[in-house]
């Protein structure tokens, strides 16, 4: 398949949409995980035996918050694309584009393959 063919461009776009959705889901899950982790850190700080232990927990909390921020930014970056294609009318268009990709690939394979002409009229013998 030629890298500038219509099928390649369609495939690139559909891969982009899929990548956005996957990155969004992974980042969203990580944000939720870090939100739950905060409670663990708060309890560890509450029951810390001394200041050194509280400081270690506070450092973990800081790292957790930074990780959460990075993942939240990924969620925000992909959110518009993901939500757009979650709307029913747009999801239908995306599914039709996937079908179009299959049809386009088939057509391009035919055009680039070996073609044989089959006579329509038999010659008299």
PDB file of N, CA and C in Angstrom:
ATOM      1  N   UNK A   1       0.844  -1.175   0.000  1.00  0.00           N
ATOM      2  CA  UNK A   1       0.000   0.000   0.000  1.00  0.00           C
ATOM      3  C   UNK A   1       0.891   1.240   0.000  1.00  0.00           C
ATOM      4  N   UNK A   2       0.651   2.123  -0.934  1.00  0.00           N
ATOM      5  CA  UNK A   2       1.402   3.369  -1.053  1.00  0.00           C
ATOM      6  C   UNK A   2       1.144   4.238   0.174  1.00  0.00           C
ATOM      7  N   UNK A   3       2.188   4.867   0.719  1.00  0.00           N
ATOM      8  CA  UNK A   3       2.019   5.625   1.957  1.00  0.00           C
ATOM      9  C   UNK A   3       1.156   6.871   1.787  1.00  0.00           C
ATOM     10  N   UNK A   4       0.947   7.319   0.561  1.00  0.00           N
ATOM     11  CA  UNK A   4       0.083   8.470   0.323  1.00  0.00           C
ATOM     12  C   UNK A   4      -1.257   8.080  -0.279  1.00  0.00           C
ATOM     13  N   UNK A   5      -1.556   6.813  -0.297  1.00  0.00           N
ATOM     14  CA  UNK A   5      -2.819   6.353  -0.870  1.00  0.00           C
ATOM     15  C   UNK A   5      -3.972   6.760   0.044  1.00  0.00           C
ATOM     16  N   UNK A   6      -5.175   6.832  -0.508  1.00  0.00           N
ATOM     17  CA  UNK A   6      -6.335   7.146   0.329  1.00  0.00           C
ATOM     18  C   UNK A   6      -6.498   6.161   1.492  1.00  0.00           C
ATOM     19  N   UNK A   7      -6.231   4.889   1.246  1.00  0.00           N
ATOM     20  CA  UNK A   7      -6.361   3.892   2.316  1.00  0.00           C
ATOM     21  C   UNK A   7      -5.354   4.161   3.434  1.00  0.00           C
ATOM     22  N   UNK A   8      -4.128   4.521   3.074  1.00  0.00           N
ATOM     23  CA  UNK A   8      -3.100   4.796   4.091  1.00  0.00           C
ATOM     24  C   UNK A   8      -3.481   6.013   4.925  1.00  0.00           C
ATOM     25  N   UNK A   9      -4.017   7.037   4.271  1.00  0.00           N
ATOM     26  CA  UNK A   9      -4.421   8.241   4.998  1.00  0.00           C
ATOM     27  C   UNK A   9      -5.608   7.959   5.914  1.00  0.00           C
ATOM     28  N   UNK A  10      -6.568   7.201   5.423  1.00  0.00           N
ATOM     29  CA  UNK A  10      -7.706   6.811   6.265  1.00  0.00           C
ATOM     30  C   UNK A  10      -7.232   5.999   7.464  1.00  0.00           C
ATOM     31  N   UNK A  11      -6.340   5.054   7.209  1.00  0.00           N
ATOM     32  CA  UNK A  11      -5.819   4.216   8.280  1.00  0.00           C
ATOM     33  C   UNK A  11      -5.068   5.061   9.314  1.00  0.00           C
ATOM     34  N   UNK A  12      -4.304   6.019   8.855  1.00  0.00           N
ATOM     35  CA  UNK A  12      -3.558   6.892   9.768  1.00  0.00           C
ATOM     36  C   UNK A  12      -4.530   7.660  10.670  1.00  0.00           C
ATOM     37  N   UNK A  13      -5.605   8.183  10.075  1.00  0.00           N
ATOM     38  CA  UNK A  13      -6.587   8.926  10.864  1.00  0.00           C
ATOM     39  C   UNK A  13      -7.284   8.018  11.879  1.00  0.00           C
ATOM     40  N   UNK A  14      -7.703   6.840  11.448  1.00  0.00           N
ATOM     41  CA  UNK A  14      -8.387   5.919  12.359  1.00  0.00           C
ATOM     42  C   UNK A  14      -7.455   5.454  13.471  1.00  0.00           C
ATOM     43  N   UNK A  15      -6.186   5.248  13.153  1.00  0.00           N
ATOM     44  CA  UNK A  15      -5.202   4.900  14.189  1.00  0.00           C
ATOM     45  C   UNK A  15      -5.026   6.043  15.188  1.00  0.00           C
ATOM     46  N   UNK A  16      -5.062   7.275  14.677  1.00  0.00           N
ATOM     47  CA  UNK A  16      -4.974   8.442  15.551  1.00  0.00           C
ATOM     48  C   UNK A  16      -6.146   8.471  16.529  1.00  0.00           C
ATOM     49  N   UNK A  17      -7.351   8.256  16.036  1.00  0.00           N
ATOM     50  CA  UNK A  17      -8.539   8.259  16.895  1.00  0.00           C
ATOM     51  C   UNK A  17      -8.438   7.143  17.935  1.00  0.00           C
ATOM     52  N   UNK A  18      -8.016   5.963  17.515  1.00  0.00           N
ATOM     53  CA  UNK A  18      -7.864   4.840  18.445  1.00  0.00           C
ATOM     54  C   UNK A  18      -6.795   5.130  19.501  1.00  0.00           C
ATOM     55  N   UNK A  19      -5.692   5.741  19.072  1.00  0.00           N
ATOM     56  CA  UNK A  19      -4.611   6.072  20.014  1.00  0.00           C
ATOM     57  C   UNK A  19      -5.079   7.106  21.035  1.00  0.00           C
ATOM     58  N   UNK A  20      -5.839   8.098  20.582  1.00  0.00           N
ATOM     59  CA  UNK A  20      -6.386   9.101  21.501  1.00  0.00           C
ATOM     60  C   UNK A  20      -7.284   8.435  22.539  1.00  0.00           C
ATOM     61  N   UNK A  21      -8.141   7.542  22.082  1.00  0.00           N
ATOM     62  CA  UNK A  21      -9.064   6.852  22.993  1.00  0.00           C
ATOM     63  C   UNK A  21      -8.305   6.015  24.018  1.00  0.00           C
ATOM     64  N   UNK A  22      -7.297   5.301  23.559  1.00  0.00           N
ATOM     65  CA  UNK A  22      -6.532   4.447  24.463  1.00  0.00           C
ATOM     66  C   UNK A  22      -5.737   5.274  25.473  1.00  0.00           C
ATOM     67  N   UNK A  23      -5.083   6.324  24.996  1.00  0.00           N
ATOM     68  CA  UNK A  23      -4.311   7.186  25.888  1.00  0.00           C
ATOM     69  C   UNK A  23      -5.227   7.851  26.912  1.00  0.00           C
ATOM     70  N   UNK A  24      -6.402   8.285  26.473  1.00  0.00           N
ATOM     71  CA  UNK A  24      -7.389   8.903  27.356  1.00  0.00           C
ATOM     72  C   UNK A  24      -7.807   7.929  28.460  1.00  0.00           C
ATOM     73  N   UNK A  25      -8.143   6.710  28.063  1.00  0.00           N
ATOM     74  CA  UNK A  25      -8.597   5.714  29.038  1.00  0.00           C
ATOM     75  C   UNK A  25      -7.505   5.383  30.051  1.00  0.00           C
ATOM     76  N   UNK A  26      -6.291   5.156  29.569  1.00  0.00           N
ATOM     77  CA  UNK A  26      -5.180   4.829  30.477  1.00  0.00           C
ATOM     78  C   UNK A  26      -4.902   5.967  31.453  1.00  0.00           C
ATOM     79  N   UNK A  27      -4.849   7.187  30.941  1.00  0.00           N
ATOM     80  CA  UNK A  27      -4.565   8.341  31.795  1.00  0.00           C
ATOM     81  C   UNK A  27      -5.701   8.564  32.797  1.00  0.00           C
ATOM     82  N   UNK A  28      -6.934   8.398  32.356  1.00  0.00           N
ATOM     83  CA  UNK A  28      -8.093   8.578  33.233  1.00  0.00           C
ATOM     84  C   UNK A  28      -8.040   7.570  34.388  1.00  0.00           C
ATOM     85  N   UNK A  29      -7.701   6.332  34.075  1.00  0.00           N
ATOM     86  CA  UNK A  29      -7.580   5.296  35.109  1.00  0.00           C
ATOM     87  C   UNK A  29      -6.463   5.641  36.101  1.00  0.00           C
ATOM     88  N   UNK A  30      -5.351   6.164  35.598  1.00  0.00           N
ATOM     89  CA  UNK A  30      -4.235   6.521  36.480  1.00  0.00           C
ATOM     90  C   UNK A  30      -4.586   7.699  37.378  1.00  0.00           C
ATOM     91  N   UNK A  31      -5.345   8.662  36.863  1.00  0.00           N
ATOM     92  CA  UNK A  31      -5.792   9.796  37.683  1.00  0.00           C
ATOM     93  C   UNK A  31      -6.647   9.279  38.837  1.00  0.00           C
ATOM     94  N   UNK A  32      -7.574   8.389  38.532  1.00  0.00           N
ATOM     95  CA  UNK A  32      -8.427   7.820  39.586  1.00  0.00           C
ATOM     96  C   UNK A  32      -7.618   7.032  40.605  1.00  0.00           C
ATOM     97  N   UNK A  33      -6.614   6.314  40.140  1.00  0.00           N
ATOM     98  CA  UNK A  33      -5.765   5.552  41.053  1.00  0.00           C
ATOM     99  C   UNK A  33      -5.000   6.488  41.990  1.00  0.00           C
ATOM    100  N   UNK A  34      -4.466   7.568  41.448  1.00  0.00           N
ATOM    101  CA  UNK A  34      -3.733   8.525  42.287  1.00  0.00           C
ATOM    102  C   UNK A  34      -4.664   9.224  43.266  1.00  0.00           C
ATOM    103  N   UNK A  35      -5.908   9.464  42.868  1.00  0.00           N
ATOM    104  CA  UNK A  35      -6.876  10.056  43.795  1.00  0.00           C
ATOM    105  C   UNK A  35      -7.106   9.139  44.999  1.00  0.00           C
ATOM    106  N   UNK A  36      -7.215   7.849  44.734  1.00  0.00           N
ATOM    107  CA  UNK A  36      -7.414   6.896  45.830  1.00  0.00           C
ATOM    108  C   UNK A  36      -6.150   6.773  46.691  1.00  0.00           C
ATOM    109  N   UNK A  37      -4.999   6.905  46.074  1.00  0.00           N
ATOM    110  CA  UNK A  37      -3.734   6.768  46.786  1.00  0.00           C
ATOM    111  C   UNK A  37      -3.532   7.892  47.808  1.00  0.00           C
ATOM    112  N   UNK A  38      -4.092   9.063  47.530  1.00  0.00           N
ATOM    113  CA  UNK A  38      -3.949  10.199  48.448  1.00  0.00           C
ATOM    114  C   UNK A  38      -4.446   9.834  49.841  1.00  0.00           C
ATOM    115  N   UNK A  39      -5.566   9.139  49.897  1.00  0.00           N
ATOM    116  CA  UNK A  39      -6.103   8.733  51.199  1.00  0.00           C
ATOM    117  C   UNK A  39      -5.119   7.846  51.952  1.00  0.00           C
ATOM    118  N   UNK A  40      -4.453   6.970  51.237  1.00  0.00           N
ATOM    119  CA  UNK A  40      -3.447   6.120  51.879  1.00  0.00           C
ATOM    120  C   UNK A  40      -2.323   6.966  52.467  1.00  0.00           C
ATOM    121  N   UNK A  41      -1.862   7.939  51.691  1.00  0.00           N
ATOM    122  CA  UNK A  41      -0.774   8.793  52.172  1.00  0.00           C
ATOM    123  C   UNK A  41      -1.208   9.621  53.385  1.00  0.00           C
ATOM    124  N   UNK A  42      -2.416  10.126  53.350  1.00  0.00           N
ATOM    125  CA  UNK A  42      -2.897  10.924  54.480  1.00  0.00           C
ATOM    126  C   UNK A  42      -2.963  10.090  55.757  1.00  0.00           C
ATOM    127  N   UNK A  43      -3.391   8.866  55.631  1.00  0.00           N
ATOM    128  CA  UNK A  43      -3.426   8.000  56.803  1.00  0.00           C
ATOM    129  C   UNK A  43      -2.020   7.635  57.266  1.00  0.00           C
ATOM    130  N   UNK A  44      -1.103   7.425  56.326  1.00  0.00           N
ATOM    131  CA  UNK A  44       0.282   7.138  56.714  1.00  0.00           C
ATOM    132  C   UNK A  44       0.888   8.318  57.456  1.00  0.00           C
ATOM    133  N   UNK A  45       0.576   9.533  56.994  1.00  0.00           N
ATOM    134  CA  UNK A  45       1.098  10.716  57.680  1.00  0.00           C
ATOM    135  C   UNK A  45       0.474  10.853  59.067  1.00  0.00           C
ATOM    136  N   UNK A  46      -0.802  10.557  59.152  1.00  0.00           N
ATOM    137  CA  UNK A  46      -1.503  10.656  60.441  1.00  0.00           C
ATOM    138  C   UNK A  46      -0.884   9.724  61.482  1.00  0.00           C
ATOM    139  N   UNK A  47      -0.518   8.519  61.056  1.00  0.00           N
ATOM    140  CA  UNK A  47      -0.013   7.532  61.995  1.00  0.00           C
ATOM    141  C   UNK A  47       1.513   7.406  61.977  1.00  0.00           C
ATOM    142  N   UNK A  48       2.209   8.352  61.353  1.00  0.00           N
ATOM    143  CA  UNK A  48       3.673   8.315  61.307  1.00  0.00           C
ATOM    144  C   UNK A  48       4.235   8.435  62.721  1.00  0.00           C
ATOM    145  N   UNK A  49       5.316   7.699  62.947  1.00  0.00           N
ATOM    146  CA  UNK A  49       5.920   7.669  64.288  1.00  0.00           C
ATOM    147  C   UNK A  49       6.771   8.905  64.569  1.00  0.00           C
ATOM    148  N   UNK A  50       7.359   9.451  63.494  1.00  0.00           N
ATOM    149  CA  UNK A  50       8.223  10.621  63.698  1.00  0.00           C
ATOM    150  C   UNK A  50       8.210  11.500  62.445  1.00  0.00           C
ATOM    151  N   UNK A  51       8.928  12.608  62.525  1.00  0.00           N
ATOM    152  CA  UNK A  51       8.960  13.574  61.435  1.00  0.00           C
ATOM    153  C   UNK A  51       9.612  12.991  60.178  1.00  0.00           C
ATOM    154  N   UNK A  52      10.629  12.171  60.335  1.00  0.00           N
ATOM    155  CA  UNK A  52      11.323  11.590  59.182  1.00  0.00           C
ATOM    156  C   UNK A  52      10.365  10.708  58.378  1.00  0.00           C
ATOM    157  N   UNK A  53       9.560   9.938  59.065  1.00  0.00           N
ATOM    158  CA  UNK A  53       8.594   9.086  58.370  1.00  0.00           C
ATOM    159  C   UNK A  53       7.538   9.943  57.666  1.00  0.00           C
ATOM    160  N   UNK A  54       7.073  11.014  58.337  1.00  0.00           N
ATOM    161  CA  UNK A  54       6.114  11.929  57.704  1.00  0.00           C
ATOM    162  C   UNK A  54       6.718  12.577  56.466  1.00  0.00           C
ATOM    163  N   UNK A  55       7.991  12.916  56.531  1.00  0.00           N
ATOM    164  CA  UNK A  55       8.655  13.533  55.382  1.00  0.00           C
ATOM    165  C   UNK A  55       8.746  12.556  54.201  1.00  0.00           C
ATOM    166  N   UNK A  56       9.029  11.292  54.489  1.00  0.00           N
ATOM    167  CA  UNK A  56       9.074  10.287  53.419  1.00  0.00           C
ATOM    168  C   UNK A  56       7.707  10.144  52.759  1.00  0.00           C
ATOM    169  N   UNK A  57       6.674  10.117  53.575  1.00  0.00           N
ATOM    170  CA  UNK A  57       5.313  10.004  53.042  1.00  0.00           C
ATOM    171  C   UNK A  57       4.956  11.261  52.249  1.00  0.00           C
ATOM    172  N   UNK A  58       5.365  12.416  52.758  1.00  0.00           N
ATOM    173  CA  UNK A  58       5.075  13.674  52.053  1.00  0.00           C
ATOM    174  C   UNK A  58       5.760  13.698  50.684  1.00  0.00           C
ATOM    175  N   UNK A  59       6.963  13.150  50.597  1.00  0.00           N
ATOM    176  CA  UNK A  59       7.662  13.075  49.308  1.00  0.00           C
ATOM    177  C   UNK A  59       6.913  12.158  48.350  1.00  0.00           C
ATOM    178  N   UNK A  60       6.423  11.030  48.860  1.00  0.00           N
ATOM    179  CA  UNK A  60       5.614  10.135  48.020  1.00  0.00           C
ATOM    180  C   UNK A  60       4.337  10.832  47.562  1.00  0.00           C
ATOM    181  N   UNK A  61       3.735  11.594  48.462  1.00  0.00           N
ATOM    182  CA  UNK A  61       2.521  12.334  48.121  1.00  0.00           C
ATOM    183  C   UNK A  61       2.805  13.348  47.017  1.00  0.00           C
ATOM    184  N   UNK A  62       3.911  14.048  47.106  1.00  0.00           N
ATOM    185  CA  UNK A  62       4.284  15.026  46.086  1.00  0.00           C
ATOM    186  C   UNK A  62       4.472  14.348  44.726  1.00  0.00           C
ATOM    187  N   UNK A  63       5.165  13.216  44.715  1.00  0.00           N
ATOM    188  CA  UNK A  63       5.362  12.482  43.455  1.00  0.00           C
ATOM    189  C   UNK A  63       4.027  12.002  42.887  1.00  0.00           C
ATOM    190  N   UNK A  64       3.161  11.557  43.764  1.00  0.00           N
ATOM    191  CA  UNK A  64       1.840  11.091  43.334  1.00  0.00           C
ATOM    192  C   UNK A  64       1.052  12.233  42.693  1.00  0.00           C
ATOM    193  N   UNK A  65       1.108  13.401  43.302  1.00  0.00           N
ATOM    194  CA  UNK A  65       0.373  14.556  42.778  1.00  0.00           C
ATOM    195  C   UNK A  65       0.936  14.996  41.422  1.00  0.00           C
ATOM    196  N   UNK A  66       2.243  14.916  41.273  1.00  0.00           N
ATOM    197  CA  UNK A  66       2.845  15.269  39.972  1.00  0.00           C
ATOM    198  C   UNK A  66       2.443  14.272  38.892  1.00  0.00           C
ATOM    199  N   UNK A  67       2.438  13.001  39.252  1.00  0.00           N
ATOM    200  CA  UNK A  67       2.011  11.973  38.307  1.00  0.00           C
ATOM    201  C   UNK A  67       0.546  12.177  37.928  1.00  0.00           C
ATOM    202  N   UNK A  68      -0.266  12.497  38.909  1.00  0.00           N
ATOM    203  CA  UNK A  68      -1.685  12.750  38.658  1.00  0.00           C
ATOM    204  C   UNK A  68      -1.852  13.919  37.694  1.00  0.00           C
ATOM    205  N   UNK A  69      -1.078  14.973  37.905  1.00  0.00           N
ATOM    206  CA  UNK A  69      -1.164  16.166  37.051  1.00  0.00           C
ATOM    207  C   UNK A  69      -0.791  15.819  35.606  1.00  0.00           C
ATOM    208  N   UNK A  70       0.265  15.058  35.421  1.00  0.00           N
ATOM    209  CA  UNK A  70       0.671  14.672  34.067  1.00  0.00           C
ATOM    210  C   UNK A  70      -0.432  13.870  33.377  1.00  0.00           C
ATOM    211  N   UNK A  71      -1.017  12.938  34.112  1.00  0.00           N
ATOM    212  CA  UNK A  71      -2.079  12.119  33.530  1.00  0.00           C
ATOM    213  C   UNK A  71      -3.352  12.919  33.304  1.00  0.00           C
ATOM    214  N   UNK A  72      -3.629  13.848  34.185  1.00  0.00           N
ATOM    215  CA  UNK A  72      -4.815  14.691  33.991  1.00  0.00           C
ATOM    216  C   UNK A  72      -4.643  15.552  32.748  1.00  0.00           C
ATOM    217  N   UNK A  73      -3.431  16.032  32.502  1.00  0.00           N
ATOM    218  CA  UNK A  73      -3.160  16.800  31.287  1.00  0.00           C
ATOM    219  C   UNK A  73      -3.378  15.943  30.037  1.00  0.00           C
ATOM    220  N   UNK A  74      -2.971  14.668  30.091  1.00  0.00           N
ATOM    221  CA  UNK A  74      -3.212  13.761  28.966  1.00  0.00           C
ATOM    222  C   UNK A  74      -4.708  13.562  28.737  1.00  0.00           C
ATOM    223  N   UNK A  75      -5.452  13.436  29.830  1.00  0.00           N
ATOM    224  CA  UNK A  75      -6.905  13.297  29.715  1.00  0.00           C
ATOM    225  C   UNK A  75      -7.481  14.519  29.024  1.00  0.00           C
ATOM    226  N   UNK A  76      -7.099  15.697  29.474  1.00  0.00           N
ATOM    227  CA  UNK A  76      -7.620  16.937  28.892  1.00  0.00           C
ATOM    228  C   UNK A  76      -7.218  17.083  27.429  1.00  0.00           C
ATOM    229  N   UNK A  77      -6.008  16.673  27.091  1.00  0.00           N
ATOM    230  CA  UNK A  77      -5.521  16.805  25.719  1.00  0.00           C
ATOM    231  C   UNK A  77      -6.339  15.950  24.747  1.00  0.00           C
ATOM    232  N   UNK A  78      -6.773  14.786  25.188  1.00  0.00           N
ATOM    233  CA  UNK A  78      -7.495  13.859  24.313  1.00  0.00           C
ATOM    234  C   UNK A  78      -9.011  13.908  24.472  1.00  0.00           C
ATOM    235  N   UNK A  79      -9.475  14.602  25.474  1.00  0.00           N
ATOM    236  CA  UNK A  79     -10.891  14.564  25.832  1.00  0.00           C
ATOM    237  C   UNK A  79     -11.826  14.991  24.699  1.00  0.00           C
ATOM    238  N   UNK A  80     -11.530  16.071  24.021  1.00  0.00           N
ATOM    239  CA  UNK A  80     -12.418  16.576  22.963  1.00  0.00           C
ATOM    240  C   UNK A  80     -12.571  15.567  21.827  1.00  0.00           C
ATOM    241  N   UNK A  81     -11.475  14.963  21.409  1.00  0.00           N
ATOM    242  CA  UNK A  81     -11.528  13.974  20.320  1.00  0.00           C
ATOM    243  C   UNK A  81     -12.334  12.760  20.765  1.00  0.00           C
ATOM    244  N   UNK A  82     -12.064  12.268  21.956  1.00  0.00           N
ATOM    245  CA  UNK A  82     -12.748  11.069  22.458  1.00  0.00           C
ATOM    246  C   UNK A  82     -14.245  11.331  22.608  1.00  0.00           C
ATOM    247  N   UNK A  83     -14.599  12.440  23.229  1.00  0.00           N
ATOM    248  CA  UNK A  83     -16.015  12.750  23.437  1.00  0.00           C
ATOM    249  C   UNK A  83     -16.739  12.986  22.118  1.00  0.00           C
ATOM    250  N   UNK A  84     -16.048  13.564  21.146  1.00  0.00           N
ATOM    251  CA  UNK A  84     -16.647  13.784  19.833  1.00  0.00           C
ATOM    252  C   UNK A  84     -17.078  12.457  19.216  1.00  0.00           C
ATOM    253  N   UNK A  85     -16.203  11.470  19.267  1.00  0.00           N
ATOM    254  CA  UNK A  85     -16.510  10.190  18.646  1.00  0.00           C
ATOM    255  C   UNK A  85     -17.355   9.274  19.534  1.00  0.00           C
ATOM    256  N   UNK A  86     -17.636   9.693  20.759  1.00  0.00           N
ATOM    257  CA  UNK A  86     -18.568   8.942  21.597  1.00  0.00           C
ATOM    258  C   UNK A  86     -20.017   9.337  21.312  1.00  0.00           C
ATOM    259  N   UNK A  87     -20.210  10.517  20.701  1.00  0.00           N
ATOM    260  CA  UNK A  87     -21.561  10.915  20.311  1.00  0.00           C
ATOM    261  C   UNK A  87     -22.056   9.957  19.241  1.00  0.00           C
ATOM    262  N   UNK A  88     -23.323   9.586  19.342  1.00  0.00           N
ATOM    263  CA  UNK A  88     -23.844   8.527  18.477  1.00  0.00           C
ATOM    264  C   UNK A  88     -23.707   8.843  16.995  1.00  0.00           C
ATOM    265  N   UNK A  89     -24.039  10.067  16.601  1.00  0.00           N
ATOM    266  CA  UNK A  89     -23.967  10.392  15.166  1.00  0.00           C
ATOM    267  C   UNK A  89     -22.530  10.353  14.663  1.00  0.00           C
ATOM    268  N   UNK A  90     -21.589  10.751  15.487  1.00  0.00           N
ATOM    269  CA  UNK A  90     -20.183  10.741  15.078  1.00  0.00           C
ATOM    270  C   UNK A  90     -19.588   9.337  15.146  1.00  0.00           C
ATOM    271  N   UNK A  91     -20.066   8.542  16.079  1.00  0.00           N
ATOM    272  CA  UNK A  91     -19.610   7.149  16.168  1.00  0.00           C
ATOM    273  C   UNK A  91     -20.010   6.401  14.905  1.00  0.00           C
ATOM    274  N   UNK A  92     -21.212   6.692  14.400  1.00  0.00           N
ATOM    275  CA  UNK A  92     -21.661   6.087  13.155  1.00  0.00           C
ATOM    276  C   UNK A  92     -20.759   6.464  11.997  1.00  0.00           C
ATOM    277  N   UNK A  93     -20.362   7.735  11.956  1.00  0.00           N
ATOM    278  CA  UNK A  93     -19.456   8.181  10.892  1.00  0.00           C
ATOM    279  C   UNK A  93     -18.109   7.469  11.003  1.00  0.00           C
ATOM    280  N   UNK A  94     -17.634   7.286  12.220  1.00  0.00           N
ATOM    281  CA  UNK A  94     -16.361   6.585  12.427  1.00  0.00           C
ATOM    282  C   UNK A  94     -16.462   5.134  11.954  1.00  0.00           C
ATOM    283  N   UNK A  95     -17.574   4.489  12.258  1.00  0.00           N
ATOM    284  CA  UNK A  95     -17.766   3.106  11.809  1.00  0.00           C
ATOM    285  C   UNK A  95     -17.843   3.032  10.289  1.00  0.00           C
ATOM    286  N   UNK A  96     -18.495   4.007   9.666  1.00  0.00           N
ATOM    287  CA  UNK A  96     -18.562   4.031   8.200  1.00  0.00           C
ATOM    288  C   UNK A  96     -17.178   4.279   7.603  1.00  0.00           C
ATOM    289  N   UNK A  97     -16.360   5.052   8.282  1.00  0.00           N
ATOM    290  CA  UNK A  97     -14.993   5.279   7.808  1.00  0.00           C
ATOM    291  C   UNK A  97     -14.181   3.986   7.882  1.00  0.00           C
ATOM    292  N   UNK A  98     -14.414   3.183   8.896  1.00  0.00           N
ATOM    293  CA  UNK A  98     -13.727   1.892   9.006  1.00  0.00           C
ATOM    294  C   UNK A  98     -14.148   0.978   7.854  1.00  0.00           C
ATOM    295  N   UNK A  99     -15.429   0.993   7.531  1.00  0.00           N
ATOM    296  CA  UNK A  99     -15.908   0.212   6.391  1.00  0.00           C
ATOM    297  C   UNK A  99     -15.312   0.726   5.095  1.00  0.00           C
ATOM    298  N   UNK A 100     -15.264   2.042   4.978  1.00  0.00           N
ATOM    299  CA  UNK A 100     -14.672   2.656   3.793  1.00  0.00           C
ATOM    300  C   UNK A 100     -13.219   2.240   3.646  1.00  0.00           C
ATOM    301  N   UNK A 101     -12.493   2.183   4.734  1.00  0.00           N
ATOM    302  CA  UNK A 101     -11.096   1.761   4.688  1.00  0.00           C
ATOM    303  C   UNK A 101     -10.978   0.360   4.097  1.00  0.00           C
ATOM    304  N   UNK A 102     -11.826  -0.555   4.546  1.00  0.00           N
ATOM    305  CA  UNK A 102     -11.794  -1.915   4.008  1.00  0.00           C
ATOM    306  C   UNK A 102     -12.088  -1.939   2.517  1.00  0.00           C
ATOM    307  N   UNK A 103     -13.086  -1.174   2.092  1.00  0.00           N
ATOM    308  CA  UNK A 103     -13.441  -1.114   0.673  1.00  0.00           C
ATOM    309  C   UNK A 103     -12.309  -0.489  -0.143  1.00  0.00           C
ATOM    310  N   UNK A 104     -11.707   0.566   0.404  1.00  0.00           N
ATOM    311  CA  UNK A 104     -10.629   1.255  -0.300  1.00  0.00           C
ATOM    312  C   UNK A 104      -9.410   0.346  -0.447  1.00  0.00           C
ATOM    313  N   UNK A 105      -9.081  -0.392   0.606  1.00  0.00           N
ATOM    314  CA  UNK A 105      -7.954  -1.335   0.530  1.00  0.00           C
ATOM    315  C   UNK A 105      -8.201  -2.371  -0.566  1.00  0.00           C
ATOM    316  N   UNK A 106      -9.413  -2.887  -0.597  1.00  0.00           N
ATOM    317  CA  UNK A 106      -9.765  -3.892  -1.593  1.00  0.00           C
ATOM    318  C   UNK A 106      -9.606  -3.328  -3.002  1.00  0.00           C
ATOM    319  N   UNK A 107     -10.071  -2.102  -3.204  1.00  0.00           N
ATOM    320  CA  UNK A 107      -9.973  -1.464  -4.515  1.00  0.00           C
ATOM    321  C   UNK A 107      -8.517  -1.225  -4.896  1.00  0.00           C
ATOM    322  N   UNK A 108      -7.709  -0.769  -3.952  1.00  0.00           N
ATOM    323  CA  UNK A 108      -6.298  -0.512  -4.232  1.00  0.00           C
ATOM    324  C   UNK A 108      -5.543  -1.807  -4.518  1.00  0.00           C
ATOM    325  N   UNK A 109      -5.894  -2.875  -3.822  1.00  0.00           N
ATOM    326  CA  UNK A 109      -5.272  -4.171  -4.110  1.00  0.00           C
ATOM    327  C   UNK A 109      -5.604  -4.616  -5.530  1.00  0.00           C
ATOM    328  N   UNK A 110      -6.848  -4.409  -5.912  1.00  0.00           N
ATOM    329  CA  UNK A 110      -7.255  -4.778  -7.271  1.00  0.00           C
ATOM    330  C   UNK A 110      -6.478  -3.951  -8.295  1.00  0.00           C
ATOM    331  N   UNK A 111      -6.378  -2.655  -8.060  1.00  0.00           N
ATOM    332  CA  UNK A 111      -5.710  -1.775  -9.016  1.00  0.00           C
ATOM    333  C   UNK A 111      -4.212  -2.042  -9.118  1.00  0.00           C
ATOM    334  N   UNK A 112      -3.603  -2.480  -8.034  1.00  0.00           N
ATOM    335  CA  UNK A 112      -2.164  -2.719  -8.066  1.00  0.00           C
ATOM    336  C   UNK A 112      -1.821  -4.170  -8.402  1.00  0.00           C
ATOM    337  N   UNK A 113      -2.821  -5.024  -8.456  1.00  0.00           N
ATOM    338  CA  UNK A 113      -2.581  -6.437  -8.742  1.00  0.00           C
ATOM    339  C   UNK A 113      -2.523  -6.715 -10.232  1.00  0.00           C
ATOM    340  N   UNK A 114      -2.333  -7.975 -10.540  1.00  0.00           N
ATOM    341  CA  UNK A 114      -2.277  -8.394 -11.933  1.00  0.00           C
ATOM    342  C   UNK A 114      -3.705  -8.516 -12.458  1.00  0.00           C
ATOM    343  N   UNK A 115      -3.982  -7.810 -13.538  1.00  0.00           N
ATOM    344  CA  UNK A 115      -5.322  -7.829 -14.107  1.00  0.00           C
ATOM    345  C   UNK A 115      -5.327  -8.666 -15.372  1.00  0.00           C
ATOM    346  N   UNK A 116      -6.404  -9.383 -15.529  1.00  0.00           N
ATOM    347  CA  UNK A 116      -6.579 -10.234 -16.704  1.00  0.00           C
ATOM    348  C   UNK A 116      -7.890  -9.850 -17.365  1.00  0.00           C
ATOM    349  N   UNK A 117      -7.823  -9.685 -18.665  1.00  0.00           N
ATOM    350  CA  UNK A 117      -9.034  -9.372 -19.411  1.00  0.00           C
ATOM    351  C   UNK A 117      -9.688 -10.668 -19.865  1.00  0.00           C
ATOM    352  N   UNK A 118     -10.963 -10.759 -19.597  1.00  0.00           N
ATOM    353  CA  UNK A 118     -11.737 -11.920 -20.039  1.00  0.00           C
ATOM    354  C   UNK A 118     -12.660 -11.464 -21.155  1.00  0.00           C
ATOM    355  N   UNK A 119     -12.477 -11.982 -22.358  1.00  0.00           N
ATOM    356  CA  UNK A 119     -13.324 -11.562 -23.464  1.00  0.00           C
ATOM    357  C   UNK A 119     -14.806 -11.822 -23.171  1.00  0.00           C
ATOM    358  N   UNK A 120     -15.626 -10.896 -23.563  1.00  0.00           N
ATOM    359  CA  UNK A 120     -17.052 -11.010 -23.308  1.00  0.00           C
ATOM    360  C   UNK A 120     -17.792 -11.748 -24.440  1.00  0.00           C
ATOM    361  N   UNK A 121     -17.208 -11.693 -25.608  1.00  0.00           N
ATOM    362  CA  UNK A 121     -17.807 -12.325 -26.764  1.00  0.00           C
ATOM    363  C   UNK A 121     -16.869 -13.418 -27.250  1.00  0.00           C
ATOM    364  N   UNK A 122     -17.433 -14.584 -27.493  1.00  0.00           N
ATOM    365  CA  UNK A 122     -16.605 -15.667 -28.024  1.00  0.00           C
ATOM    366  C   UNK A 122     -16.410 -15.452 -29.520  1.00  0.00           C
ATOM    367  N   UNK A 123     -15.203 -15.632 -29.933  1.00  0.00           N
ATOM    368  CA  UNK A 123     -14.886 -15.536 -31.356  1.00  0.00           C
ATOM    369  C   UNK A 123     -15.380 -16.811 -32.048  1.00  0.00           C
ATOM    370  N   UNK A 124     -15.958 -16.658 -33.262  1.00  0.00           N
ATOM    371  CA  UNK A 124     -16.381 -17.864 -33.973  1.00  0.00           C
ATOM    372  C   UNK A 124     -15.160 -18.689 -34.371  1.00  0.00           C
ATOM    373  N   UNK A 125     -15.300 -19.954 -34.295  1.00  0.00           N
ATOM    374  CA  UNK A 125     -14.184 -20.842 -34.611  1.00  0.00           C
ATOM    375  C   UNK A 125     -14.048 -21.157 -36.043  1.00  0.00           C
TER     376      UNK A 125
END
